[in-house]
């Protein structure tokens, strides 16, 4: 029933072909890292830097206020009416809910942006007040 453990096989010396293959791979990695990666225009990550995209989102933003309804998935929606109406809902990400310790029923004010192509809901960009209390700069960064 019980067998003796066999010794692990002795390490084989690395052949010169294997050494040259590993050197070739490392050279290729160095070349890839040194060249900028070009993305197609219709890809999800566009060429514009993140700051520029955020500025565009902020230009299109509008004031938003509502009562937070958190789903089982961890994300939530700001509801303007107490009736579930997906046309007026504003999506609140899981990271925002965790960062600001938001709970179901909190009244949240901030800036939202319209839904982008392929999205169903408007999105909350920035939180300014929670339950009528303004956030300080330190709180908004954490």
Protein backbone atom coordinates (compact mmCIF):
# COMPACT_ATOMS: atom_id res chain seq x y z
CA UNK A 1 0.00 0.00 0.00
CA UNK A 2 2.71 2.48 0.95
CA UNK A 3 5.60 2.95 -1.43
CA UNK A 4 8.95 4.56 -0.97
CA UNK A 5 9.41 7.95 -2.46
CA UNK A 6 11.69 7.95 -5.39
CA UNK A 7 14.48 10.46 -5.64
CA UNK A 8 13.87 13.42 -7.91
CA UNK A 9 15.64 13.14 -11.23
CA UNK A 10 19.04 14.77 -11.39
CA UNK A 11 19.15 18.11 -13.16
CA UNK A 12 20.19 17.82 -16.74
CA UNK A 13 22.75 20.30 -18.04
CA UNK A 14 21.19 23.02 -20.17
CA UNK A 15 22.00 22.62 -23.83
CA UNK A 16 23.44 25.47 -25.85
CA UNK A 17 20.26 25.55 -27.98
CA UNK A 18 18.08 26.11 -24.88
CA UNK A 19 20.43 28.86 -23.72
CA UNK A 20 20.22 30.64 -27.07
CA UNK A 21 16.40 30.37 -27.04
CA UNK A 22 16.20 32.03 -23.61
CA UNK A 23 18.55 34.78 -24.78
CA UNK A 24 16.41 35.34 -27.88
CA UNK A 25 13.28 35.64 -25.73
CA UNK A 26 14.92 38.17 -23.41
CA UNK A 27 16.10 40.22 -26.42
CA UNK A 28 12.57 40.19 -27.84
CA UNK A 29 11.13 41.34 -24.50
CA UNK A 30 13.63 44.21 -24.37
CA UNK A 31 12.65 45.28 -27.89
CA UNK A 32 8.94 45.12 -27.09
CA UNK A 33 9.35 47.20 -23.93
CA UNK A 34 11.34 49.89 -25.75
CA UNK A 35 8.78 50.39 -28.55
CA UNK A 36 5.52 52.27 -27.96
CA UNK A 37 2.41 50.16 -28.39
CA UNK A 38 0.03 51.52 -31.01
CA UNK A 39 -3.66 50.84 -30.44
CA UNK A 40 -6.30 50.88 -33.19
CA UNK A 41 -8.70 53.83 -33.08
CA UNK A 42 -11.78 51.70 -32.45
CA UNK A 43 -10.25 49.81 -29.52
CA UNK A 44 -11.46 50.22 -25.95
CA UNK A 45 -8.25 51.93 -24.82
CA UNK A 46 -7.85 54.95 -27.02
CA UNK A 47 -4.69 56.91 -27.63
CA UNK A 48 -5.83 59.88 -25.54
CA UNK A 49 -4.23 60.07 -22.12
CA UNK A 50 -6.42 59.38 -19.13
CA UNK A 51 -6.46 63.04 -18.03
CA UNK A 52 -7.86 64.16 -21.39
CA UNK A 53 -10.61 61.55 -21.25
CA UNK A 54 -11.50 62.61 -17.71
CA UNK A 55 -11.65 66.25 -18.82
CA UNK A 56 -14.04 65.26 -21.62
CA UNK A 57 -16.23 63.38 -19.13
CA UNK A 58 -16.26 66.36 -16.77
CA UNK A 59 -17.29 68.71 -19.60
CA UNK A 60 -20.34 66.52 -20.27
CA UNK A 61 -21.13 66.06 -16.57
CA UNK A 62 -24.22 67.34 -14.79
CA UNK A 63 -25.27 67.58 -11.12
CA UNK A 64 -26.85 64.39 -9.81
CA UNK A 65 -28.64 63.61 -6.58
CA UNK A 66 -30.46 60.52 -5.42
CA UNK A 67 -30.94 57.75 -2.91
CA UNK A 68 -28.45 54.89 -3.20
CA UNK A 69 -29.77 51.39 -3.86
CA UNK A 70 -27.03 48.74 -3.57
CA UNK A 71 -27.39 45.46 -5.48
CA UNK A 72 -26.14 42.01 -4.50
CA UNK A 73 -23.26 42.45 -6.95
CA UNK A 74 -21.81 45.27 -4.84
CA UNK A 75 -22.53 48.06 -7.31
CA UNK A 76 -25.45 50.42 -6.94
CA UNK A 77 -27.76 52.97 -8.49
CA UNK A 78 -28.78 56.46 -7.50
CA UNK A 79 -32.53 56.63 -7.78
CA UNK A 80 -34.22 59.99 -8.18
CA UNK A 81 -37.63 58.50 -7.60
CA UNK A 82 -38.39 55.89 -5.01
CA UNK A 83 -39.80 53.78 -7.85
CA UNK A 84 -37.41 51.64 -9.86
CA UNK A 85 -37.15 53.44 -13.19
CA UNK A 86 -34.06 52.48 -15.20
CA UNK A 87 -34.29 55.61 -17.36
CA UNK A 88 -33.41 57.84 -14.40
CA UNK A 89 -30.90 55.54 -12.68
CA UNK A 90 -27.26 56.55 -12.26
CA UNK A 91 -24.72 53.75 -11.91
CA UNK A 92 -22.43 53.85 -8.83
CA UNK A 93 -19.36 51.62 -9.02
CA UNK A 94 -18.35 49.09 -6.39
CA UNK A 95 -15.10 50.98 -5.79
CA UNK A 96 -16.98 54.20 -4.97
CA UNK A 97 -19.30 52.35 -2.58
CA UNK A 98 -16.33 50.80 -0.77
CA UNK A 99 -14.16 53.93 -0.79
CA UNK A 100 -16.81 56.13 0.82
CA UNK A 101 -18.45 53.41 2.95
CA UNK A 102 -21.78 54.03 1.24
CA UNK A 103 -24.85 52.14 2.40
CA UNK A 104 -28.27 51.50 0.95
CA UNK A 105 -30.49 54.53 1.59
CA UNK A 106 -27.67 57.12 1.66
CA UNK A 107 -28.48 60.37 -0.10
CA UNK A 108 -25.62 61.07 -2.50
CA UNK A 109 -24.88 64.25 -4.48
CA UNK A 110 -22.22 64.58 -7.12
CA UNK A 111 -21.48 64.81 -10.82
CA UNK A 112 -22.67 62.23 -13.33
CA UNK A 113 -22.09 61.76 -17.03
CA UNK A 114 -24.40 60.44 -19.73
CA UNK A 115 -24.08 56.82 -20.82
CA UNK A 116 -21.39 56.21 -23.40
CA UNK A 117 -21.82 54.02 -26.44
CA UNK A 118 -22.48 50.46 -25.30
CA UNK A 119 -23.46 51.47 -21.76
CA UNK A 120 -26.99 51.28 -20.38
CA UNK A 121 -26.84 53.77 -17.53
CA UNK A 122 -25.50 57.19 -16.67
CA UNK A 123 -22.45 56.97 -14.36
CA UNK A 124 -21.51 58.80 -11.19
CA UNK A 125 -18.12 60.47 -11.70
CA UNK A 126 -17.62 62.43 -8.51
CA UNK A 127 -19.21 62.43 -5.07
CA UNK A 128 -19.61 65.83 -3.40
CA UNK A 129 -22.02 65.16 -0.51
CA UNK A 130 -23.20 62.13 1.42
CA UNK A 131 -26.36 62.57 3.50
CA UNK A 132 -25.99 66.36 3.21
CA UNK A 133 -22.39 66.42 4.51
CA UNK A 134 -19.77 67.80 2.11
CA UNK A 135 -16.68 65.70 1.61
CA UNK A 136 -13.33 67.28 2.39
CA UNK A 137 -10.48 66.98 -0.10
CA UNK A 138 -8.81 64.27 2.02
CA UNK A 139 -11.98 62.19 2.13
CA UNK A 140 -12.50 62.41 -1.60
CA UNK A 141 -9.00 61.05 -2.29
CA UNK A 142 -9.20 58.05 0.01
